[in-house]
Amino acid sequence: MGEERNLLENLSMELRRGTLVLSVLSQMKEKKYGYSLVQSLEEKGVAIDPNTLYPLLRRLEKQGLLESMWETGGSKPRKYYRRTAYGDEIYQKLRTQWEELAAGMEKLLEEERG
C-alpha cells in the first residue's frame, strides 16, 4: 500500500511539473512578486511551493521569457517579474499546445468512460 501511494505521488508530481511553466506564465502579464504569485496560483487551485517557484522564475528570466525589476519604495524591497514580448509569444504557443493536448486527453478519457 505504501509503494502504491509513493508511485501515485511521484506520477502526480510529474504531471504537475509539466504544467507549472504554463501556470506561471499565465499569471505574468502584469508584474508580480514571488509571494503574490504563490497566492494568485493557490487561489486558482494551483499549489506551488516557493522552493519550486523561485528557481523557476529565475530560469524563465534567464530564458528571456520574464524580466525582473526591483521596487524599493515600500517597507521592504521586492523583486517583481513580468512576461517579456518573447514570453508573450511563447506563452500563446504553449497555451495553444495545452488546449490541443487537453482536448485530446478529454476525448481519450471520455472514450474510456464509455
PDB file of N, CA and C in Angstrom:
ATOM      1  N   MET A   1       0.824  -1.202   0.000  1.00  0.00           N
ATOM      2  CA  MET A   1       0.000   0.000   0.000  1.00  0.00           C
ATOM      3  C   MET A   1       0.863   1.259   0.000  1.00  0.00           C
ATOM      4  N   GLY A   2       1.972   1.236   0.756  1.00  0.00           N
ATOM      5  CA  GLY A   2       2.867   2.375   0.795  1.00  0.00           C
ATOM      6  C   GLY A   2       3.544   2.614  -0.538  1.00  0.00           C
ATOM      7  N   GLU A   3       3.916   1.509  -1.225  1.00  0.00           N
ATOM      8  CA  GLU A   3       4.534   1.637  -2.545  1.00  0.00           C
ATOM      9  C   GLU A   3       3.569   2.261  -3.543  1.00  0.00           C
ATOM     10  N   GLU A   4       2.315   1.842  -3.468  1.00  0.00           N
ATOM     11  CA  GLU A   4       1.301   2.384  -4.381  1.00  0.00           C
ATOM     12  C   GLU A   4       1.117   3.882  -4.148  1.00  0.00           C
ATOM     13  N   ARG A   5       1.085   4.283  -2.889  1.00  0.00           N
ATOM     14  CA  ARG A   5       0.929   5.711  -2.561  1.00  0.00           C
ATOM     15  C   ARG A   5       2.120   6.505  -3.076  1.00  0.00           C
ATOM     16  N   ASN A   6       3.331   5.969  -2.893  1.00  0.00           N
ATOM     17  CA  ASN A   6       4.527   6.651  -3.387  1.00  0.00           C
ATOM     18  C   ASN A   6       4.505   6.767  -4.900  1.00  0.00           C
ATOM     19  N   LEU A   7       4.091   5.706  -5.570  1.00  0.00           N
ATOM     20  CA  LEU A   7       4.011   5.727  -7.026  1.00  0.00           C
ATOM     21  C   LEU A   7       3.023   6.792  -7.482  1.00  0.00           C
ATOM     22  N   LEU A   8       1.854   6.815  -6.859  1.00  0.00           N
ATOM     23  CA  LEU A   8       0.837   7.800  -7.218  1.00  0.00           C
ATOM     24  C   LEU A   8       1.339   9.223  -6.969  1.00  0.00           C
ATOM     25  N   GLU A   9       2.000   9.444  -5.844  1.00  0.00           N
ATOM     26  CA  GLU A   9       2.559  10.770  -5.546  1.00  0.00           C
ATOM     27  C   GLU A   9       3.600  11.172  -6.584  1.00  0.00           C
ATOM     28  N   ASN A  10       4.471  10.248  -6.968  1.00  0.00           N
ATOM     29  CA  ASN A  10       5.501  10.553  -7.963  1.00  0.00           C
ATOM     30  C   ASN A  10       4.894  10.852  -9.328  1.00  0.00           C
ATOM     31  N   LEU A  11       3.925  10.061  -9.739  1.00  0.00           N
ATOM     32  CA  LEU A  11       3.277  10.298 -11.025  1.00  0.00           C
ATOM     33  C   LEU A  11       2.503  11.614 -11.026  1.00  0.00           C
ATOM     34  N   SER A  12       1.834  11.904  -9.922  1.00  0.00           N
ATOM     35  CA  SER A  12       1.112  13.176  -9.803  1.00  0.00           C
ATOM     36  C   SER A  12       2.073  14.354  -9.869  1.00  0.00           C
ATOM     37  N   MET A  13       3.234  14.215  -9.222  1.00  0.00           N
ATOM     38  CA  MET A  13       4.228  15.283  -9.238  1.00  0.00           C
ATOM     39  C   MET A  13       4.749  15.509 -10.661  1.00  0.00           C
ATOM     40  N   GLU A  14       4.987  14.429 -11.399  1.00  0.00           N
ATOM     41  CA  GLU A  14       5.433  14.564 -12.790  1.00  0.00           C
ATOM     42  C   GLU A  14       4.387  15.289 -13.623  1.00  0.00           C
ATOM     43  N   LEU A  15       3.142  14.944 -13.437  1.00  0.00           N
ATOM     44  CA  LEU A  15       2.053  15.568 -14.178  1.00  0.00           C
ATOM     45  C   LEU A  15       1.979  17.062 -13.867  1.00  0.00           C
ATOM     46  N   ARG A  16       2.062  17.406 -12.593  1.00  0.00           N
ATOM     47  CA  ARG A  16       2.011  18.822 -12.188  1.00  0.00           C
ATOM     48  C   ARG A  16       3.222  19.597 -12.691  1.00  0.00           C
ATOM     49  N   ARG A  17       4.391  18.989 -12.608  1.00  0.00           N
ATOM     50  CA  ARG A  17       5.628  19.662 -13.009  1.00  0.00           C
ATOM     51  C   ARG A  17       5.525  20.129 -14.463  1.00  0.00           C
ATOM     52  N   GLY A  18       4.893  19.336 -15.280  1.00  0.00           N
ATOM     53  CA  GLY A  18       4.737  19.688 -16.678  1.00  0.00           C
ATOM     54  C   GLY A  18       3.822  20.871 -16.922  1.00  0.00           C
ATOM     55  N   THR A  19       3.011  21.220 -15.949  1.00  0.00           N
ATOM     56  CA  THR A  19       2.066  22.329 -16.125  1.00  0.00           C
ATOM     57  C   THR A  19       2.523  23.624 -15.449  1.00  0.00           C
ATOM     58  N   LEU A  20       3.576  23.563 -14.661  1.00  0.00           N
ATOM     59  CA  LEU A  20       3.959  24.740 -13.865  1.00  0.00           C
ATOM     60  C   LEU A  20       4.435  25.912 -14.714  1.00  0.00           C
ATOM     61  N   VAL A  21       5.185  25.660 -15.779  1.00  0.00           N
ATOM     62  CA  VAL A  21       5.663  26.761 -16.620  1.00  0.00           C
ATOM     63  C   VAL A  21       4.468  27.499 -17.211  1.00  0.00           C
ATOM     64  N   LEU A  22       3.520  26.765 -17.766  1.00  0.00           N
ATOM     65  CA  LEU A  22       2.332  27.387 -18.340  1.00  0.00           C
ATOM     66  C   LEU A  22       1.530  28.116 -17.263  1.00  0.00           C
ATOM     67  N   SER A  23       1.402  27.510 -16.096  1.00  0.00           N
ATOM     68  CA  SER A  23       0.668  28.142 -14.991  1.00  0.00           C
ATOM     69  C   SER A  23       1.299  29.475 -14.608  1.00  0.00           C
ATOM     70  N   VAL A  24       2.614  29.479 -14.446  1.00  0.00           N
ATOM     71  CA  VAL A  24       3.318  30.705 -14.057  1.00  0.00           C
ATOM     72  C   VAL A  24       3.219  31.759 -15.165  1.00  0.00           C
ATOM     73  N   LEU A  25       3.509  31.364 -16.391  1.00  0.00           N
ATOM     74  CA  LEU A  25       3.450  32.339 -17.488  1.00  0.00           C
ATOM     75  C   LEU A  25       2.054  32.938 -17.640  1.00  0.00           C
ATOM     76  N   SER A  26       1.025  32.159 -17.354  1.00  0.00           N
ATOM     77  CA  SER A  26      -0.349  32.657 -17.492  1.00  0.00           C
ATOM     78  C   SER A  26      -0.640  33.813 -16.536  1.00  0.00           C
ATOM     79  N   GLN A  27       0.099  33.886 -15.454  1.00  0.00           N
ATOM     80  CA  GLN A  27      -0.162  34.898 -14.431  1.00  0.00           C
ATOM     81  C   GLN A  27       0.768  36.111 -14.521  1.00  0.00           C
ATOM     82  N   MET A  28       1.656  36.138 -15.511  1.00  0.00           N
ATOM     83  CA  MET A  28       2.719  37.140 -15.512  1.00  0.00           C
ATOM     84  C   MET A  28       2.541  38.250 -16.536  1.00  0.00           C
ATOM     85  N   LYS A  29       1.324  38.477 -17.016  1.00  0.00           N
ATOM     86  CA  LYS A  29       1.100  39.599 -17.936  1.00  0.00           C
ATOM     87  C   LYS A  29       1.381  40.918 -17.213  1.00  0.00           C
ATOM     88  N   GLU A  30       0.914  41.007 -15.985  1.00  0.00           N
ATOM     89  CA  GLU A  30       1.196  42.164 -15.122  1.00  0.00           C
ATOM     90  C   GLU A  30       2.277  41.748 -14.130  1.00  0.00           C
ATOM     91  N   LYS A  31       3.048  42.703 -13.664  1.00  0.00           N
ATOM     92  CA  LYS A  31       4.154  42.365 -12.761  1.00  0.00           C
ATOM     93  C   LYS A  31       3.630  41.821 -11.428  1.00  0.00           C
ATOM     94  N   LYS A  32       4.352  40.838 -10.940  1.00  0.00           N
ATOM     95  CA  LYS A  32       4.040  40.223  -9.649  1.00  0.00           C
ATOM     96  C   LYS A  32       5.354  39.863  -8.975  1.00  0.00           C
ATOM     97  N   TYR A  33       5.344  39.879  -7.664  1.00  0.00           N
ATOM     98  CA  TYR A  33       6.489  39.365  -6.920  1.00  0.00           C
ATOM     99  C   TYR A  33       6.149  37.949  -6.467  1.00  0.00           C
ATOM    100  N   GLY A  34       7.166  37.207  -6.068  1.00  0.00           N
ATOM    101  CA  GLY A  34       7.020  35.779  -5.815  1.00  0.00           C
ATOM    102  C   GLY A  34       5.862  35.396  -4.919  1.00  0.00           C
ATOM    103  N   TYR A  35       5.762  36.023  -3.744  1.00  0.00           N
ATOM    104  CA  TYR A  35       4.720  35.625  -2.798  1.00  0.00           C
ATOM    105  C   TYR A  35       3.332  35.906  -3.357  1.00  0.00           C
ATOM    106  N   SER A  36       3.158  37.030  -4.058  1.00  0.00           N
ATOM    107  CA  SER A  36       1.844  37.330  -4.636  1.00  0.00           C
ATOM    108  C   SER A  36       1.504  36.330  -5.735  1.00  0.00           C
ATOM    109  N   LEU A  37       2.510  35.830  -6.432  1.00  0.00           N
ATOM    110  CA  LEU A  37       2.289  34.816  -7.459  1.00  0.00           C
ATOM    111  C   LEU A  37       1.859  33.498  -6.819  1.00  0.00           C
ATOM    112  N   VAL A  38       2.507  33.113  -5.728  1.00  0.00           N
ATOM    113  CA  VAL A  38       2.112  31.903  -4.995  1.00  0.00           C
ATOM    114  C   VAL A  38       0.638  32.010  -4.595  1.00  0.00           C
ATOM    115  N   GLN A  39       0.255  33.149  -4.032  1.00  0.00           N
ATOM    116  CA  GLN A  39      -1.129  33.351  -3.607  1.00  0.00           C
ATOM    117  C   GLN A  39      -2.086  33.292  -4.790  1.00  0.00           C
ATOM    118  N   SER A  40      -1.747  33.965  -5.872  1.00  0.00           N
ATOM    119  CA  SER A  40      -2.590  34.005  -7.058  1.00  0.00           C
ATOM    120  C   SER A  40      -2.816  32.598  -7.612  1.00  0.00           C
ATOM    121  N   LEU A  41      -1.754  31.829  -7.701  1.00  0.00           N
ATOM    122  CA  LEU A  41      -1.879  30.464  -8.209  1.00  0.00           C
ATOM    123  C   LEU A  41      -2.716  29.603  -7.265  1.00  0.00           C
ATOM    124  N   GLU A  42      -2.463  29.720  -5.961  1.00  0.00           N
ATOM    125  CA  GLU A  42      -3.210  28.913  -4.997  1.00  0.00           C
ATOM    126  C   GLU A  42      -4.700  29.248  -5.010  1.00  0.00           C
ATOM    127  N   GLU A  43      -5.039  30.529  -5.179  1.00  0.00           N
ATOM    128  CA  GLU A  43      -6.445  30.925  -5.263  1.00  0.00           C
ATOM    129  C   GLU A  43      -7.142  30.265  -6.445  1.00  0.00           C
ATOM    130  N   LYS A  44      -6.366  29.941  -7.468  1.00  0.00           N
ATOM    131  CA  LYS A  44      -6.921  29.330  -8.682  1.00  0.00           C
ATOM    132  C   LYS A  44      -6.749  27.814  -8.675  1.00  0.00           C
ATOM    133  N   GLY A  45      -6.330  27.252  -7.546  1.00  0.00           N
ATOM    134  CA  GLY A  45      -6.241  25.804  -7.411  1.00  0.00           C
ATOM    135  C   GLY A  45      -4.925  25.191  -7.843  1.00  0.00           C
ATOM    136  N   VAL A  46      -3.891  26.012  -8.049  1.00  0.00           N
ATOM    137  CA  VAL A  46      -2.572  25.502  -8.451  1.00  0.00           C
ATOM    138  C   VAL A  46      -1.593  25.783  -7.315  1.00  0.00           C
ATOM    139  N   ALA A  47      -1.364  24.774  -6.503  1.00  0.00           N
ATOM    140  CA  ALA A  47      -0.435  24.936  -5.383  1.00  0.00           C
ATOM    141  C   ALA A  47       0.997  24.833  -5.905  1.00  0.00           C
ATOM    142  N   ILE A  48       1.840  25.726  -5.413  1.00  0.00           N
ATOM    143  CA  ILE A  48       3.258  25.686  -5.801  1.00  0.00           C
ATOM    144  C   ILE A  48       4.095  26.067  -4.590  1.00  0.00           C
ATOM    145  N   ASP A  49       5.091  25.277  -4.337  1.00  0.00           N
ATOM    146  CA  ASP A  49       5.993  25.529  -3.221  1.00  0.00           C
ATOM    147  C   ASP A  49       6.946  26.656  -3.605  1.00  0.00           C
ATOM    148  N   PRO A  50       7.162  27.623  -2.715  1.00  0.00           N
ATOM    149  CA  PRO A  50       8.118  28.698  -3.027  1.00  0.00           C
ATOM    150  C   PRO A  50       9.499  28.177  -3.417  1.00  0.00           C
ATOM    151  N   ASN A  51       9.910  27.034  -2.853  1.00  0.00           N
ATOM    152  CA  ASN A  51      11.202  26.454  -3.204  1.00  0.00           C
ATOM    153  C   ASN A  51      11.238  25.937  -4.642  1.00  0.00           C
ATOM    154  N   THR A  52      10.083  25.756  -5.225  1.00  0.00           N
ATOM    155  CA  THR A  52       9.972  25.390  -6.633  1.00  0.00           C
ATOM    156  C   THR A  52       9.824  26.645  -7.487  1.00  0.00           C
ATOM    157  N   LEU A  53       9.045  27.604  -6.979  1.00  0.00           N
ATOM    158  CA  LEU A  53       8.724  28.798  -7.752  1.00  0.00           C
ATOM    159  C   LEU A  53       9.941  29.679  -8.039  1.00  0.00           C
ATOM    160  N   TYR A  54      10.716  30.000  -7.036  1.00  0.00           N
ATOM    161  CA  TYR A  54      11.798  30.974  -7.234  1.00  0.00           C
ATOM    162  C   TYR A  54      12.855  30.502  -8.238  1.00  0.00           C
ATOM    163  N   PRO A  55      13.294  29.243  -8.172  1.00  0.00           N
ATOM    164  CA  PRO A  55      14.221  28.792  -9.225  1.00  0.00           C
ATOM    165  C   PRO A  55      13.566  28.807 -10.611  1.00  0.00           C
ATOM    166  N   LEU A  56      12.269  28.512 -10.674  1.00  0.00           N
ATOM    167  CA  LEU A  56      11.560  28.548 -11.947  1.00  0.00           C
ATOM    168  C   LEU A  56      11.518  29.970 -12.498  1.00  0.00           C
ATOM    169  N   LEU A  57      11.234  30.951 -11.645  1.00  0.00           N
ATOM    170  CA  LEU A  57      11.219  32.352 -12.086  1.00  0.00           C
ATOM    171  C   LEU A  57      12.585  32.766 -12.629  1.00  0.00           C
ATOM    172  N   ARG A  58      13.649  32.380 -11.924  1.00  0.00           N
ATOM    173  CA  ARG A  58      14.997  32.733 -12.386  1.00  0.00           C
ATOM    174  C   ARG A  58      15.310  32.057 -13.726  1.00  0.00           C
ATOM    175  N   ARG A  59      14.892  30.808 -13.872  1.00  0.00           N
ATOM    176  CA  ARG A  59      15.140  30.097 -15.126  1.00  0.00           C
ATOM    177  C   ARG A  59      14.377  30.741 -16.280  1.00  0.00           C
ATOM    178  N   LEU A  60      13.109  31.104 -16.046  1.00  0.00           N
ATOM    179  CA  LEU A  60      12.313  31.745 -17.094  1.00  0.00           C
ATOM    180  C   LEU A  60      12.891  33.112 -17.463  1.00  0.00           C
ATOM    181  N   GLU A  61      13.449  33.798 -16.486  1.00  0.00           N
ATOM    182  CA  GLU A  61      14.102  35.072 -16.773  1.00  0.00           C
ATOM    183  C   GLU A  61      15.361  34.843 -17.617  1.00  0.00           C
ATOM    184  N   LYS A  62      16.143  33.854 -17.252  1.00  0.00           N
ATOM    185  CA  LYS A  62      17.367  33.543 -17.999  1.00  0.00           C
ATOM    186  C   LYS A  62      17.043  33.150 -19.434  1.00  0.00           C
ATOM    187  N   GLN A  63      15.896  32.511 -19.640  1.00  0.00           N
ATOM    188  CA  GLN A  63      15.463  32.098 -20.979  1.00  0.00           C
ATOM    189  C   GLN A  63      14.847  33.250 -21.777  1.00  0.00           C
ATOM    190  N   GLY A  64      14.699  34.415 -21.134  1.00  0.00           N
ATOM    191  CA  GLY A  64      14.157  35.580 -21.822  1.00  0.00           C
ATOM    192  C   GLY A  64      12.642  35.660 -21.832  1.00  0.00           C
ATOM    193  N   LEU A  65      11.967  34.799 -21.069  1.00  0.00           N
ATOM    194  CA  LEU A  65      10.502  34.794 -21.038  1.00  0.00           C
ATOM    195  C   LEU A  65       9.937  35.770 -20.015  1.00  0.00           C
ATOM    196  N   LEU A  66      10.722  36.060 -18.988  1.00  0.00           N
ATOM    197  CA  LEU A  66      10.343  37.021 -17.949  1.00  0.00           C
ATOM    198  C   LEU A  66      11.441  38.062 -17.820  1.00  0.00           C
ATOM    199  N   GLU A  67      11.050  39.214 -17.316  1.00  0.00           N
ATOM    200  CA  GLU A  67      12.028  40.224 -16.923  1.00  0.00           C
ATOM    201  C   GLU A  67      11.731  40.578 -15.468  1.00  0.00           C
ATOM    202  N   SER A  68      12.734  41.036 -14.776  1.00  0.00           N
ATOM    203  CA  SER A  68      12.543  41.383 -13.363  1.00  0.00           C
ATOM    204  C   SER A  68      12.955  42.820 -13.127  1.00  0.00           C
ATOM    205  N   MET A  69      12.390  43.381 -12.076  1.00  0.00           N
ATOM    206  CA  MET A  69      12.747  44.726 -11.644  1.00  0.00           C
ATOM    207  C   MET A  69      12.553  44.803 -10.120  1.00  0.00           C
ATOM    208  N   TRP A  70      13.426  45.538  -9.480  1.00  0.00           N
ATOM    209  CA  TRP A  70      13.345  45.726  -8.036  1.00  0.00           C
ATOM    210  C   TRP A  70      12.548  46.984  -7.740  1.00  0.00           C
ATOM    211  N   GLU A  71      11.675  46.895  -6.749  1.00  0.00           N
ATOM    212  CA  GLU A  71      10.995  48.074  -6.227  1.00  0.00           C
ATOM    213  C   GLU A  71      11.401  48.213  -4.777  1.00  0.00           C
ATOM    214  N   THR A  72      11.945  49.367  -4.456  1.00  0.00           N
ATOM    215  CA  THR A  72      12.488  49.574  -3.114  1.00  0.00           C
ATOM    216  C   THR A  72      11.708  50.629  -2.344  1.00  0.00           C
ATOM    217  N   GLY A  73      10.603  51.104  -2.888  1.00  0.00           N
ATOM    218  CA  GLY A  73       9.856  52.185  -2.246  1.00  0.00           C
ATOM    219  C   GLY A  73       9.016  51.762  -1.063  1.00  0.00           C
ATOM    220  N   GLY A  74       8.695  50.490  -0.936  1.00  0.00           N
ATOM    221  CA  GLY A  74       7.842  50.020   0.153  1.00  0.00           C
ATOM    222  C   GLY A  74       8.623  49.758   1.414  1.00  0.00           C
ATOM    223  N   SER A  75       7.981  49.011   2.321  1.00  0.00           N
ATOM    224  CA  SER A  75       8.611  48.703   3.605  1.00  0.00           C
ATOM    225  C   SER A  75       9.831  47.794   3.434  1.00  0.00           C
ATOM    226  N   LYS A  76       9.804  46.953   2.381  1.00  0.00           N
ATOM    227  CA  LYS A  76      10.982  46.132   2.090  1.00  0.00           C
ATOM    228  C   LYS A  76      11.101  45.983   0.577  1.00  0.00           C
ATOM    229  N   PRO A  77      12.307  45.851   0.067  1.00  0.00           N
ATOM    230  CA  PRO A  77      12.496  45.716  -1.377  1.00  0.00           C
ATOM    231  C   PRO A  77      11.860  44.423  -1.896  1.00  0.00           C
ATOM    232  N   ARG A  78      11.268  44.519  -3.073  1.00  0.00           N
ATOM    233  CA  ARG A  78      10.658  43.344  -3.691  1.00  0.00           C
ATOM    234  C   ARG A  78      11.094  43.247  -5.143  1.00  0.00           C
ATOM    235  N   LYS A  79      11.336  42.021  -5.555  1.00  0.00           N
ATOM    236  CA  LYS A  79      11.686  41.768  -6.946  1.00  0.00           C
ATOM    237  C   LYS A  79      10.418  41.334  -7.682  1.00  0.00           C
ATOM    238  N   TYR A  80      10.047  42.109  -8.671  1.00  0.00           N
ATOM    239  CA  TYR A  80       8.859  41.829  -9.467  1.00  0.00           C
ATOM    240  C   TYR A  80       9.267  41.213 -10.796  1.00  0.00           C
ATOM    241  N   TYR A  81       8.399  40.362 -11.297  1.00  0.00           N
ATOM    242  CA  TYR A  81       8.605  39.721 -12.595  1.00  0.00           C
ATOM    243  C   TYR A  81       7.389  39.976 -13.472  1.00  0.00           C
ATOM    244  N   ARG A  82       7.606  40.010 -14.779  1.00  0.00           N
ATOM    245  CA  ARG A  82       6.509  40.023 -15.748  1.00  0.00           C
ATOM    246  C   ARG A  82       7.019  39.437 -17.060  1.00  0.00           C
ATOM    247  N   ARG A  83       6.050  39.010 -17.884  1.00  0.00           N
ATOM    248  CA  ARG A  83       6.413  38.416 -19.171  1.00  0.00           C
ATOM    249  C   ARG A  83       7.019  39.462 -20.090  1.00  0.00           C
ATOM    250  N   THR A  84       7.981  39.044 -20.869  1.00  0.00           N
ATOM    251  CA  THR A  84       8.551  39.879 -21.927  1.00  0.00           C
ATOM    252  C   THR A  84       7.693  39.676 -23.186  1.00  0.00           C
ATOM    253  N   ALA A  85       7.986  40.437 -24.231  1.00  0.00           N
ATOM    254  CA  ALA A  85       7.287  40.234 -25.504  1.00  0.00           C
ATOM    255  C   ALA A  85       7.540  38.811 -26.007  1.00  0.00           C
ATOM    256  N   TYR A  86       8.781  38.344 -25.874  1.00  0.00           N
ATOM    257  CA  TYR A  86       9.108  36.968 -26.249  1.00  0.00           C
ATOM    258  C   TYR A  86       8.325  35.986 -25.375  1.00  0.00           C
ATOM    259  N   GLY A  87       8.217  36.293 -24.083  1.00  0.00           N
ATOM    260  CA  GLY A  87       7.438  35.463 -23.161  1.00  0.00           C
ATOM    261  C   GLY A  87       5.975  35.398 -23.560  1.00  0.00           C
ATOM    262  N   ASP A  88       5.427  36.541 -24.034  1.00  0.00           N
ATOM    263  CA  ASP A  88       4.032  36.552 -24.507  1.00  0.00           C
ATOM    264  C   ASP A  88       3.865  35.600 -25.683  1.00  0.00           C
ATOM    265  N   GLU A  89       4.824  35.659 -26.607  1.00  0.00           N
ATOM    266  CA  GLU A  89       4.775  34.819 -27.809  1.00  0.00           C
ATOM    267  C   GLU A  89       4.841  33.332 -27.432  1.00  0.00           C
ATOM    268  N   ILE A  90       5.792  32.979 -26.589  1.00  0.00           N
ATOM    269  CA  ILE A  90       5.947  31.583 -26.165  1.00  0.00           C
ATOM    270  C   ILE A  90       4.721  31.138 -25.365  1.00  0.00           C
ATOM    271  N   TYR A  91       4.227  32.005 -24.491  1.00  0.00           N
ATOM    272  CA  TYR A  91       3.038  31.667 -23.698  1.00  0.00           C
ATOM    273  C   TYR A  91       1.859  31.337 -24.605  1.00  0.00           C
ATOM    274  N   GLN A  92       1.618  32.144 -25.632  1.00  0.00           N
ATOM    275  CA  GLN A  92       0.498  31.886 -26.535  1.00  0.00           C
ATOM    276  C   GLN A  92       0.660  30.546 -27.253  1.00  0.00           C
ATOM    277  N   LYS A  93       1.869  30.226 -27.658  1.00  0.00           N
ATOM    278  CA  LYS A  93       2.119  28.947 -28.334  1.00  0.00           C
ATOM    279  C   LYS A  93       1.932  27.773 -27.370  1.00  0.00           C
ATOM    280  N   LEU A  94       2.439  27.916 -26.150  1.00  0.00           N
ATOM    281  CA  LEU A  94       2.248  26.859 -25.148  1.00  0.00           C
ATOM    282  C   LEU A  94       0.773  26.686 -24.808  1.00  0.00           C
ATOM    283  N   ARG A  95       0.077  27.805 -24.717  1.00  0.00           N
ATOM    284  CA  ARG A  95      -1.363  27.747 -24.410  1.00  0.00           C
ATOM    285  C   ARG A  95      -2.111  26.982 -25.505  1.00  0.00           C
ATOM    286  N   THR A  96      -1.792  27.254 -26.760  1.00  0.00           N
ATOM    287  CA  THR A  96      -2.422  26.542 -27.875  1.00  0.00           C
ATOM    288  C   THR A  96      -2.111  25.051 -27.791  1.00  0.00           C
ATOM    289  N   GLN A  97      -0.841  24.730 -27.519  1.00  0.00           N
ATOM    290  CA  GLN A  97      -0.473  23.321 -27.387  1.00  0.00           C
ATOM    291  C   GLN A  97      -1.225  22.656 -26.238  1.00  0.00           C
ATOM    292  N   TRP A  98      -1.343  23.377 -25.126  1.00  0.00           N
ATOM    293  CA  TRP A  98      -2.071  22.840 -23.966  1.00  0.00           C
ATOM    294  C   TRP A  98      -3.531  22.577 -24.332  1.00  0.00           C
ATOM    295  N   GLU A  99      -4.173  23.527 -25.000  1.00  0.00           N
ATOM    296  CA  GLU A  99      -5.584  23.367 -25.353  1.00  0.00           C
ATOM    297  C   GLU A  99      -5.782  22.163 -26.267  1.00  0.00           C
ATOM    298  N   GLU A 100      -4.870  21.963 -27.213  1.00  0.00           N
ATOM    299  CA  GLU A 100      -4.953  20.808 -28.104  1.00  0.00           C
ATOM    300  C   GLU A 100      -4.730  19.508 -27.335  1.00  0.00           C
ATOM    301  N   LEU A 101      -3.740  19.509 -26.456  1.00  0.00           N
ATOM    302  CA  LEU A 101      -3.456  18.329 -25.645  1.00  0.00           C
ATOM    303  C   LEU A 101      -4.625  18.006 -24.722  1.00  0.00           C
ATOM    304  N   ALA A 102      -5.172  19.020 -24.077  1.00  0.00           N
ATOM    305  CA  ALA A 102      -6.291  18.816 -23.155  1.00  0.00           C
ATOM    306  C   ALA A 102      -7.517  18.286 -23.896  1.00  0.00           C
ATOM    307  N   ALA A 103      -7.762  18.796 -25.099  1.00  0.00           N
ATOM    308  CA  ALA A 103      -8.900  18.321 -25.881  1.00  0.00           C
ATOM    309  C   ALA A 103      -8.697  16.846 -26.259  1.00  0.00           C
ATOM    310  N   GLY A 104      -7.493  16.484 -26.648  1.00  0.00           N
ATOM    311  CA  GLY A 104      -7.197  15.093 -26.970  1.00  0.00           C
ATOM    312  C   GLY A 104      -7.340  14.187 -25.763  1.00  0.00           C
ATOM    313  N   MET A 105      -6.835  14.641 -24.617  1.00  0.00           N
ATOM    314  CA  MET A 105      -6.952  13.847 -23.390  1.00  0.00           C
ATOM    315  C   MET A 105      -8.416  13.680 -22.998  1.00  0.00           C
ATOM    316  N   GLU A 106      -9.190  14.733 -23.151  1.00  0.00           N
ATOM    317  CA  GLU A 106     -10.615  14.658 -22.812  1.00  0.00           C
ATOM    318  C   GLU A 106     -11.305  13.606 -23.679  1.00  0.00           C
ATOM    319  N   LYS A 107     -10.962  13.549 -24.962  1.00  0.00           N
ATOM    320  CA  LYS A 107     -11.532  12.528 -25.854  1.00  0.00           C
ATOM    321  C   LYS A 107     -11.129  11.131 -25.396  1.00  0.00           C
ATOM    322  N   LEU A 108      -9.850  10.955 -25.045  1.00  0.00           N
ATOM    323  CA  LEU A 108      -9.391   9.656 -24.570  1.00  0.00           C
ATOM    324  C   LEU A 108     -10.115   9.225 -23.303  1.00  0.00           C
ATOM    325  N   LEU A 109     -10.238  10.142 -22.371  1.00  0.00           N
ATOM    326  CA  LEU A 109     -10.863   9.807 -21.088  1.00  0.00           C
ATOM    327  C   LEU A 109     -12.367   9.590 -21.253  1.00  0.00           C
ATOM    328  N   GLU A 110     -12.990  10.351 -22.096  1.00  0.00           N
ATOM    329  CA  GLU A 110     -14.429  10.195 -22.359  1.00  0.00           C
ATOM    330  C   GLU A 110     -14.687   8.841 -23.017  1.00  0.00           C
ATOM    331  N   GLU A 111     -13.815   8.462 -23.945  1.00  0.00           N
ATOM    332  CA  GLU A 111     -13.938   7.160 -24.619  1.00  0.00           C
ATOM    333  C   GLU A 111     -13.838   6.030 -23.602  1.00  0.00           C
ATOM    334  N   GLU A 112     -12.948   6.186 -22.661  1.00  0.00           N
ATOM    335  CA  GLU A 112     -12.740   5.155 -21.636  1.00  0.00           C
ATOM    336  C   GLU A 112     -13.953   5.042 -20.700  1.00  0.00           C
ATOM    337  N   ARG A 113     -14.625   6.184 -20.470  1.00  0.00           N
ATOM    338  CA  ARG A 113     -15.814   6.168 -19.590  1.00  0.00           C
ATOM    339  C   ARG A 113     -16.960   5.406 -20.221  1.00  0.00           C
ATOM    340  N   GLY A 114     -16.932   5.322 -21.558  1.00  0.00           N
ATOM    341  CA  GLY A 114     -17.954   4.552 -22.269  1.00  0.00           C
ATOM    342  C   GLY A 114     -19.090   5.373 -22.598  1.00  0.00           C
TER     343      GLY A 114
END
